[in-house]
Amino acid sequence: MTPLKQRIISPEVNEPSPGMFSNCLRIGDFVYISGQTAALREKDVGEESVEYAQARTIFEKIQSLMSAAGGKMDDIAKLTIFLTDISKRADIWKARKEFFSGDFPTCSMVQVSALASPDMRVEIEAWAHLGSGARVEEG
């Protein structure tokens, strides 16, 4: 029997308008998270870069969706990161290190000319396999 597609909703992540797309789908033990963004402007950020602040907010949203799907960040197997200025990649890596440990997910980082809004500089999508982040102690 083929697993049913289940829409995952988190109260901490705004859902798109009906008929647009889903933020997160679970099919069996697999979780697919659409590109998440955060429209934080320079005046909203403080001492850190806008890219770091946006990436951190996005990883918080992804973490919330993973939790709602019954998983954890270590279950994420693949990230795709879209960035409007590739020279800011170290800021993204800094934020990523705050949410992952051990074996990091596979990752592609791509510079794009623009995202959905001029205030958005980072977009991140994720794929996960629930339960895959559990480590077995060798004995």
N, C-alpha and C. Protein backbone atom coordinates (compact mmCIF):
# COMPACT_ATOMS: atom_id res chain seq x y z
N MET A 1 0.84 -1.18 0.00
CA MET A 1 0.00 0.00 0.00
C MET A 1 0.89 1.24 0.00
N THR A 2 0.63 2.14 -0.91
CA THR A 2 1.38 3.38 -1.01
C THR A 2 0.99 4.32 0.12
N PRO A 3 1.97 4.91 0.82
CA PRO A 3 1.64 5.84 1.91
C PRO A 3 0.90 7.06 1.37
N LEU A 4 0.00 7.55 2.17
CA LEU A 4 -0.76 8.74 1.79
C LEU A 4 0.06 9.99 2.04
N LYS A 5 -0.17 10.98 1.20
CA LYS A 5 0.46 12.28 1.35
C LYS A 5 -0.28 13.05 2.45
N GLN A 6 0.47 13.57 3.42
CA GLN A 6 -0.12 14.29 4.54
C GLN A 6 0.47 15.70 4.60
N ARG A 7 -0.38 16.70 4.62
CA ARG A 7 0.09 18.08 4.76
C ARG A 7 0.41 18.33 6.23
N ILE A 8 1.61 18.85 6.48
CA ILE A 8 2.07 19.14 7.84
C ILE A 8 1.98 20.65 8.06
N ILE A 9 1.35 21.03 9.17
CA ILE A 9 1.18 22.44 9.50
C ILE A 9 1.77 22.71 10.87
N SER A 10 2.49 23.80 11.00
CA SER A 10 3.02 24.24 12.29
C SER A 10 2.43 25.61 12.60
N PRO A 11 1.98 25.82 13.84
CA PRO A 11 1.45 27.13 14.19
C PRO A 11 2.51 28.23 14.14
N GLU A 12 3.78 27.85 14.08
CA GLU A 12 4.87 28.83 14.05
C GLU A 12 5.29 29.22 12.65
N VAL A 13 4.66 28.62 11.62
CA VAL A 13 5.02 28.91 10.23
C VAL A 13 3.74 29.27 9.48
N ASN A 14 3.72 30.46 8.89
CA ASN A 14 2.55 30.90 8.14
C ASN A 14 2.31 29.99 6.95
N GLU A 15 1.07 29.57 6.79
CA GLU A 15 0.70 28.73 5.65
C GLU A 15 0.40 29.60 4.44
N PRO A 16 0.75 29.13 3.25
CA PRO A 16 0.41 29.87 2.03
C PRO A 16 -1.10 29.86 1.81
N SER A 17 -1.56 30.75 0.95
CA SER A 17 -2.97 30.80 0.59
C SER A 17 -3.38 29.46 -0.02
N PRO A 18 -4.64 29.04 0.20
CA PRO A 18 -5.12 27.78 -0.40
C PRO A 18 -4.90 27.76 -1.91
N GLY A 19 -4.51 26.62 -2.41
CA GLY A 19 -4.31 26.46 -3.85
C GLY A 19 -2.97 26.94 -4.35
N MET A 20 -2.07 27.40 -3.46
CA MET A 20 -0.76 27.89 -3.89
C MET A 20 0.28 26.76 -3.85
N PHE A 21 0.62 26.32 -2.65
CA PHE A 21 1.58 25.23 -2.44
C PHE A 21 1.49 24.82 -0.98
N SER A 22 2.18 23.77 -0.61
CA SER A 22 2.25 23.33 0.79
C SER A 22 3.64 23.64 1.32
N ASN A 23 3.73 24.09 2.56
CA ASN A 23 5.03 24.30 3.19
C ASN A 23 5.73 22.99 3.44
N CYS A 24 4.95 21.97 3.83
CA CYS A 24 5.56 20.71 4.25
C CYS A 24 4.60 19.56 3.95
N LEU A 25 5.14 18.50 3.36
CA LEU A 25 4.39 17.28 3.11
C LEU A 25 5.15 16.10 3.70
N ARG A 26 4.40 15.17 4.28
CA ARG A 26 4.97 13.92 4.76
C ARG A 26 4.34 12.80 3.95
N ILE A 27 5.20 11.94 3.41
CA ILE A 27 4.75 10.75 2.69
C ILE A 27 5.49 9.58 3.31
N GLY A 28 4.77 8.80 4.10
CA GLY A 28 5.43 7.73 4.85
C GLY A 28 6.44 8.33 5.82
N ASP A 29 7.69 7.92 5.71
CA ASP A 29 8.75 8.44 6.58
C ASP A 29 9.55 9.56 5.93
N PHE A 30 9.08 10.05 4.79
CA PHE A 30 9.80 11.12 4.09
C PHE A 30 9.08 12.44 4.29
N VAL A 31 9.87 13.51 4.49
CA VAL A 31 9.33 14.86 4.69
C VAL A 31 9.97 15.78 3.65
N TYR A 32 9.12 16.58 3.02
CA TYR A 32 9.55 17.52 1.99
C TYR A 32 9.13 18.92 2.43
N ILE A 33 10.09 19.82 2.58
CA ILE A 33 9.80 21.18 3.03
C ILE A 33 10.11 22.14 1.90
N SER A 34 9.09 22.91 1.51
CA SER A 34 9.25 23.92 0.46
C SER A 34 10.26 24.97 0.88
N GLY A 35 10.76 25.70 -0.10
CA GLY A 35 11.67 26.79 0.17
C GLY A 35 11.07 27.76 1.18
N GLN A 36 11.76 27.93 2.29
CA GLN A 36 11.32 28.85 3.35
C GLN A 36 12.13 30.13 3.26
N THR A 37 11.49 31.24 3.56
CA THR A 37 12.16 32.54 3.51
C THR A 37 11.87 33.32 4.79
N ALA A 38 12.58 34.43 4.94
CA ALA A 38 12.36 35.35 6.06
C ALA A 38 12.68 36.75 5.55
N ALA A 39 11.71 37.61 5.52
CA ALA A 39 11.92 38.95 4.99
C ALA A 39 12.36 39.91 6.10
N LEU A 40 13.56 39.70 6.61
CA LEU A 40 14.13 40.61 7.61
C LEU A 40 15.00 41.63 6.89
N ARG A 41 14.79 42.89 7.20
CA ARG A 41 15.56 43.94 6.56
C ARG A 41 16.74 44.33 7.45
N GLU A 42 17.70 45.06 6.89
CA GLU A 42 18.90 45.44 7.65
C GLU A 42 18.55 46.14 8.95
N LYS A 43 17.54 46.99 8.94
CA LYS A 43 17.18 47.71 10.16
C LYS A 43 16.60 46.78 11.22
N ASP A 44 16.17 45.57 10.83
CA ASP A 44 15.59 44.59 11.76
C ASP A 44 16.65 43.69 12.40
N VAL A 45 17.89 43.75 11.94
CA VAL A 45 18.86 42.71 12.24
C VAL A 45 19.76 43.00 13.44
N GLY A 46 20.32 44.15 13.54
CA GLY A 46 21.28 44.42 14.60
C GLY A 46 22.70 44.18 14.12
N GLU A 47 23.52 43.52 14.96
CA GLU A 47 24.94 43.36 14.65
C GLU A 47 25.24 42.31 13.59
N GLU A 48 24.43 41.29 13.45
CA GLU A 48 24.69 40.22 12.48
C GLU A 48 24.28 40.66 11.08
N SER A 49 24.72 39.91 10.06
CA SER A 49 24.32 40.22 8.69
C SER A 49 22.86 39.84 8.46
N VAL A 50 22.27 40.44 7.46
CA VAL A 50 20.89 40.11 7.09
C VAL A 50 20.82 38.64 6.68
N GLU A 51 21.80 38.17 5.95
CA GLU A 51 21.81 36.77 5.51
C GLU A 51 21.84 35.81 6.69
N TYR A 52 22.68 36.09 7.68
CA TYR A 52 22.73 35.25 8.88
C TYR A 52 21.38 35.25 9.58
N ALA A 53 20.81 36.43 9.80
CA ALA A 53 19.54 36.55 10.51
C ALA A 53 18.42 35.83 9.76
N GLN A 54 18.39 35.98 8.44
CA GLN A 54 17.37 35.30 7.65
C GLN A 54 17.56 33.79 7.71
N ALA A 55 18.79 33.31 7.56
CA ALA A 55 19.06 31.88 7.60
C ALA A 55 18.65 31.31 8.96
N ARG A 56 18.97 32.00 10.02
CA ARG A 56 18.61 31.54 11.37
C ARG A 56 17.10 31.42 11.52
N THR A 57 16.38 32.44 11.06
CA THR A 57 14.90 32.41 11.11
C THR A 57 14.36 31.26 10.28
N ILE A 58 14.93 31.05 9.11
CA ILE A 58 14.48 29.97 8.23
C ILE A 58 14.73 28.61 8.88
N PHE A 59 15.90 28.41 9.47
CA PHE A 59 16.18 27.13 10.13
C PHE A 59 15.24 26.91 11.31
N GLU A 60 14.84 27.96 11.99
CA GLU A 60 13.84 27.84 13.07
C GLU A 60 12.50 27.36 12.50
N LYS A 61 12.12 27.90 11.33
CA LYS A 61 10.88 27.47 10.69
C LYS A 61 10.96 26.00 10.26
N ILE A 62 12.08 25.63 9.67
CA ILE A 62 12.28 24.24 9.25
C ILE A 62 12.24 23.32 10.47
N GLN A 63 12.87 23.72 11.55
CA GLN A 63 12.86 22.92 12.78
C GLN A 63 11.43 22.74 13.30
N SER A 64 10.63 23.79 13.23
CA SER A 64 9.23 23.72 13.66
C SER A 64 8.43 22.76 12.78
N LEU A 65 8.63 22.82 11.48
CA LEU A 65 7.94 21.92 10.57
C LEU A 65 8.38 20.47 10.78
N MET A 66 9.68 20.26 10.99
CA MET A 66 10.17 18.90 11.25
C MET A 66 9.56 18.34 12.52
N SER A 67 9.46 19.15 13.54
CA SER A 67 8.86 18.72 14.80
C SER A 67 7.39 18.36 14.59
N ALA A 68 6.66 19.19 13.84
CA ALA A 68 5.25 18.93 13.55
C ALA A 68 5.08 17.64 12.75
N ALA A 69 6.09 17.28 11.95
CA ALA A 69 6.04 16.05 11.15
C ALA A 69 6.48 14.83 11.95
N GLY A 70 6.93 15.04 13.19
CA GLY A 70 7.37 13.93 14.02
C GLY A 70 8.86 13.65 13.92
N GLY A 71 9.62 14.61 13.42
CA GLY A 71 11.05 14.40 13.23
C GLY A 71 11.89 15.42 13.96
N LYS A 72 13.17 15.38 13.60
CA LYS A 72 14.12 16.33 14.17
C LYS A 72 15.08 16.78 13.08
N MET A 73 15.86 17.79 13.37
CA MET A 73 16.76 18.35 12.36
C MET A 73 17.76 17.32 11.84
N ASP A 74 18.22 16.41 12.70
CA ASP A 74 19.19 15.40 12.26
C ASP A 74 18.60 14.41 11.27
N ASP A 75 17.27 14.41 11.08
CA ASP A 75 16.64 13.55 10.08
C ASP A 75 16.74 14.15 8.68
N ILE A 76 17.13 15.42 8.58
CA ILE A 76 17.23 16.06 7.27
C ILE A 76 18.42 15.50 6.52
N ALA A 77 18.17 15.05 5.29
CA ALA A 77 19.21 14.45 4.46
C ALA A 77 19.74 15.40 3.40
N LYS A 78 18.94 16.40 3.00
CA LYS A 78 19.32 17.27 1.89
C LYS A 78 18.78 18.67 2.09
N LEU A 79 19.63 19.66 1.89
CA LEU A 79 19.23 21.06 1.87
C LEU A 79 19.60 21.66 0.52
N THR A 80 18.77 22.56 0.04
CA THR A 80 19.14 23.41 -1.08
C THR A 80 18.98 24.84 -0.59
N ILE A 81 20.05 25.61 -0.71
CA ILE A 81 20.07 26.98 -0.22
C ILE A 81 20.23 27.91 -1.41
N PHE A 82 19.29 28.83 -1.53
CA PHE A 82 19.32 29.85 -2.58
C PHE A 82 19.72 31.16 -1.91
N LEU A 83 20.69 31.85 -2.48
CA LEU A 83 21.28 33.02 -1.87
C LEU A 83 21.48 34.09 -2.94
N THR A 84 21.12 35.32 -2.65
CA THR A 84 21.28 36.37 -3.67
C THR A 84 22.70 36.92 -3.74
N ASP A 85 23.53 36.61 -2.75
CA ASP A 85 24.93 37.05 -2.76
C ASP A 85 25.79 35.92 -2.20
N ILE A 86 26.40 35.15 -3.08
CA ILE A 86 27.17 33.97 -2.67
C ILE A 86 28.35 34.33 -1.77
N SER A 87 28.80 35.56 -1.82
CA SER A 87 29.91 35.96 -0.95
C SER A 87 29.51 35.95 0.53
N LYS A 88 28.21 35.83 0.82
CA LYS A 88 27.71 35.78 2.20
C LYS A 88 27.53 34.34 2.68
N ARG A 89 28.07 33.36 1.96
CA ARG A 89 27.86 31.95 2.31
C ARG A 89 28.36 31.59 3.70
N ALA A 90 29.41 32.23 4.18
CA ALA A 90 29.90 31.93 5.53
C ALA A 90 28.85 32.27 6.59
N ASP A 91 28.05 33.29 6.33
CA ASP A 91 26.98 33.65 7.27
C ASP A 91 25.91 32.56 7.32
N ILE A 92 25.65 31.93 6.18
CA ILE A 92 24.67 30.84 6.13
C ILE A 92 25.24 29.63 6.87
N TRP A 93 26.51 29.31 6.63
CA TRP A 93 27.14 28.18 7.30
C TRP A 93 27.16 28.38 8.82
N LYS A 94 27.39 29.62 9.25
CA LYS A 94 27.38 29.92 10.69
C LYS A 94 26.02 29.59 11.29
N ALA A 95 24.95 30.02 10.62
CA ALA A 95 23.60 29.73 11.12
C ALA A 95 23.32 28.23 11.07
N ARG A 96 23.73 27.57 10.00
CA ARG A 96 23.49 26.13 9.84
C ARG A 96 24.13 25.33 10.98
N LYS A 97 25.32 25.73 11.41
CA LYS A 97 26.02 25.03 12.50
C LYS A 97 25.26 25.10 13.82
N GLU A 98 24.37 26.07 13.96
CA GLU A 98 23.58 26.20 15.18
C GLU A 98 22.43 25.19 15.24
N PHE A 99 22.12 24.56 14.11
CA PHE A 99 20.96 23.65 14.04
C PHE A 99 21.32 22.21 13.72
N PHE A 100 22.56 21.96 13.28
CA PHE A 100 22.97 20.61 12.91
C PHE A 100 24.26 20.25 13.62
N SER A 101 24.45 18.96 13.86
CA SER A 101 25.69 18.46 14.43
C SER A 101 25.96 17.09 13.82
N GLY A 102 27.12 16.56 14.09
CA GLY A 102 27.45 15.24 13.55
C GLY A 102 27.54 15.28 12.04
N ASP A 103 26.89 14.34 11.39
CA ASP A 103 26.89 14.28 9.93
C ASP A 103 25.87 15.29 9.40
N PHE A 104 26.36 16.37 8.82
CA PHE A 104 25.47 17.40 8.28
C PHE A 104 24.75 16.86 7.05
N PRO A 105 23.58 17.44 6.71
CA PRO A 105 22.88 17.02 5.50
C PRO A 105 23.71 17.33 4.25
N THR A 106 23.42 16.61 3.19
CA THR A 106 24.00 17.01 1.91
C THR A 106 23.44 18.39 1.59
N CYS A 107 24.15 19.15 0.78
CA CYS A 107 23.72 20.54 0.60
C CYS A 107 24.19 21.08 -0.75
N SER A 108 23.30 21.79 -1.40
CA SER A 108 23.65 22.58 -2.58
C SER A 108 23.37 24.03 -2.25
N MET A 109 24.29 24.91 -2.64
CA MET A 109 24.09 26.35 -2.45
C MET A 109 24.19 27.01 -3.81
N VAL A 110 23.18 27.80 -4.14
CA VAL A 110 23.08 28.38 -5.47
C VAL A 110 22.83 29.87 -5.35
N GLN A 111 23.61 30.66 -6.08
CA GLN A 111 23.33 32.09 -6.14
C GLN A 111 22.24 32.33 -7.18
N VAL A 112 21.25 33.14 -6.80
CA VAL A 112 20.17 33.50 -7.70
C VAL A 112 20.12 35.03 -7.81
N SER A 113 19.54 35.52 -8.88
CA SER A 113 19.50 36.97 -9.08
C SER A 113 18.48 37.64 -8.18
N ALA A 114 17.42 36.93 -7.79
CA ALA A 114 16.40 37.51 -6.92
C ALA A 114 15.54 36.41 -6.34
N LEU A 115 14.88 36.73 -5.23
CA LEU A 115 13.88 35.84 -4.63
C LEU A 115 12.53 36.53 -4.74
N ALA A 116 11.50 36.02 -4.08
CA ALA A 116 10.12 36.49 -4.27
C ALA A 116 9.91 37.96 -3.88
N SER A 117 10.73 38.48 -2.98
CA SER A 117 10.61 39.86 -2.52
C SER A 117 12.02 40.44 -2.43
N PRO A 118 12.18 41.73 -2.70
CA PRO A 118 13.51 42.33 -2.61
C PRO A 118 14.16 42.22 -1.22
N ASP A 119 13.36 42.11 -0.17
CA ASP A 119 13.89 41.99 1.20
C ASP A 119 14.43 40.59 1.49
N MET A 120 14.06 39.62 0.68
CA MET A 120 14.50 38.24 0.90
C MET A 120 15.84 38.02 0.23
N ARG A 121 16.79 37.50 1.01
CA ARG A 121 18.12 37.23 0.48
C ARG A 121 18.50 35.76 0.54
N VAL A 122 17.71 34.98 1.30
CA VAL A 122 18.00 33.56 1.49
C VAL A 122 16.69 32.77 1.40
N GLU A 123 16.75 31.61 0.74
CA GLU A 123 15.63 30.67 0.73
C GLU A 123 16.23 29.28 0.89
N ILE A 124 15.60 28.45 1.74
CA ILE A 124 16.15 27.12 2.01
C ILE A 124 15.02 26.10 1.93
N GLU A 125 15.27 25.01 1.19
CA GLU A 125 14.33 23.89 1.16
C GLU A 125 15.04 22.65 1.71
N ALA A 126 14.23 21.71 2.20
CA ALA A 126 14.81 20.54 2.87
C ALA A 126 14.03 19.27 2.55
N TRP A 127 14.76 18.15 2.55
CA TRP A 127 14.19 16.82 2.42
C TRP A 127 14.69 15.99 3.58
N ALA A 128 13.81 15.21 4.18
CA ALA A 128 14.19 14.43 5.35
C ALA A 128 13.62 13.02 5.29
N HIS A 129 14.28 12.11 6.01
CA HIS A 129 13.81 10.75 6.19
C HIS A 129 13.69 10.56 7.70
N LEU A 130 12.46 10.48 8.20
CA LEU A 130 12.23 10.40 9.64
C LEU A 130 12.92 9.19 10.24
N GLY A 131 13.56 9.41 11.38
CA GLY A 131 14.26 8.34 12.08
C GLY A 131 15.68 8.11 11.61
N SER A 132 16.08 8.75 10.53
CA SER A 132 17.42 8.51 9.99
C SER A 132 18.51 9.19 10.79
N GLY A 133 18.14 10.16 11.62
CA GLY A 133 19.13 10.89 12.40
C GLY A 133 19.53 10.18 13.68
N ALA A 134 18.83 9.12 14.03
CA ALA A 134 19.16 8.38 15.25
C ALA A 134 20.48 7.65 15.07
N ARG A 135 21.32 7.74 16.06
CA ARG A 135 22.62 7.09 15.99
C ARG A 135 22.59 5.82 16.84
N VAL A 136 23.23 4.79 16.34
CA VAL A 136 23.32 3.53 17.05
C VAL A 136 24.71 3.46 17.69
N GLU A 137 24.74 3.18 18.97
CA GLU A 137 26.01 3.04 19.69
C GLU A 137 26.69 1.75 19.24
N GLU A 138 27.96 1.86 18.89
CA GLU A 138 28.72 0.65 18.53
C GLU A 138 29.27 0.04 19.81
N GLY A 139 29.20 -1.26 19.91
CA GLY A 139 29.63 -1.87 21.16
C GLY A 139 30.52 -3.00 21.04
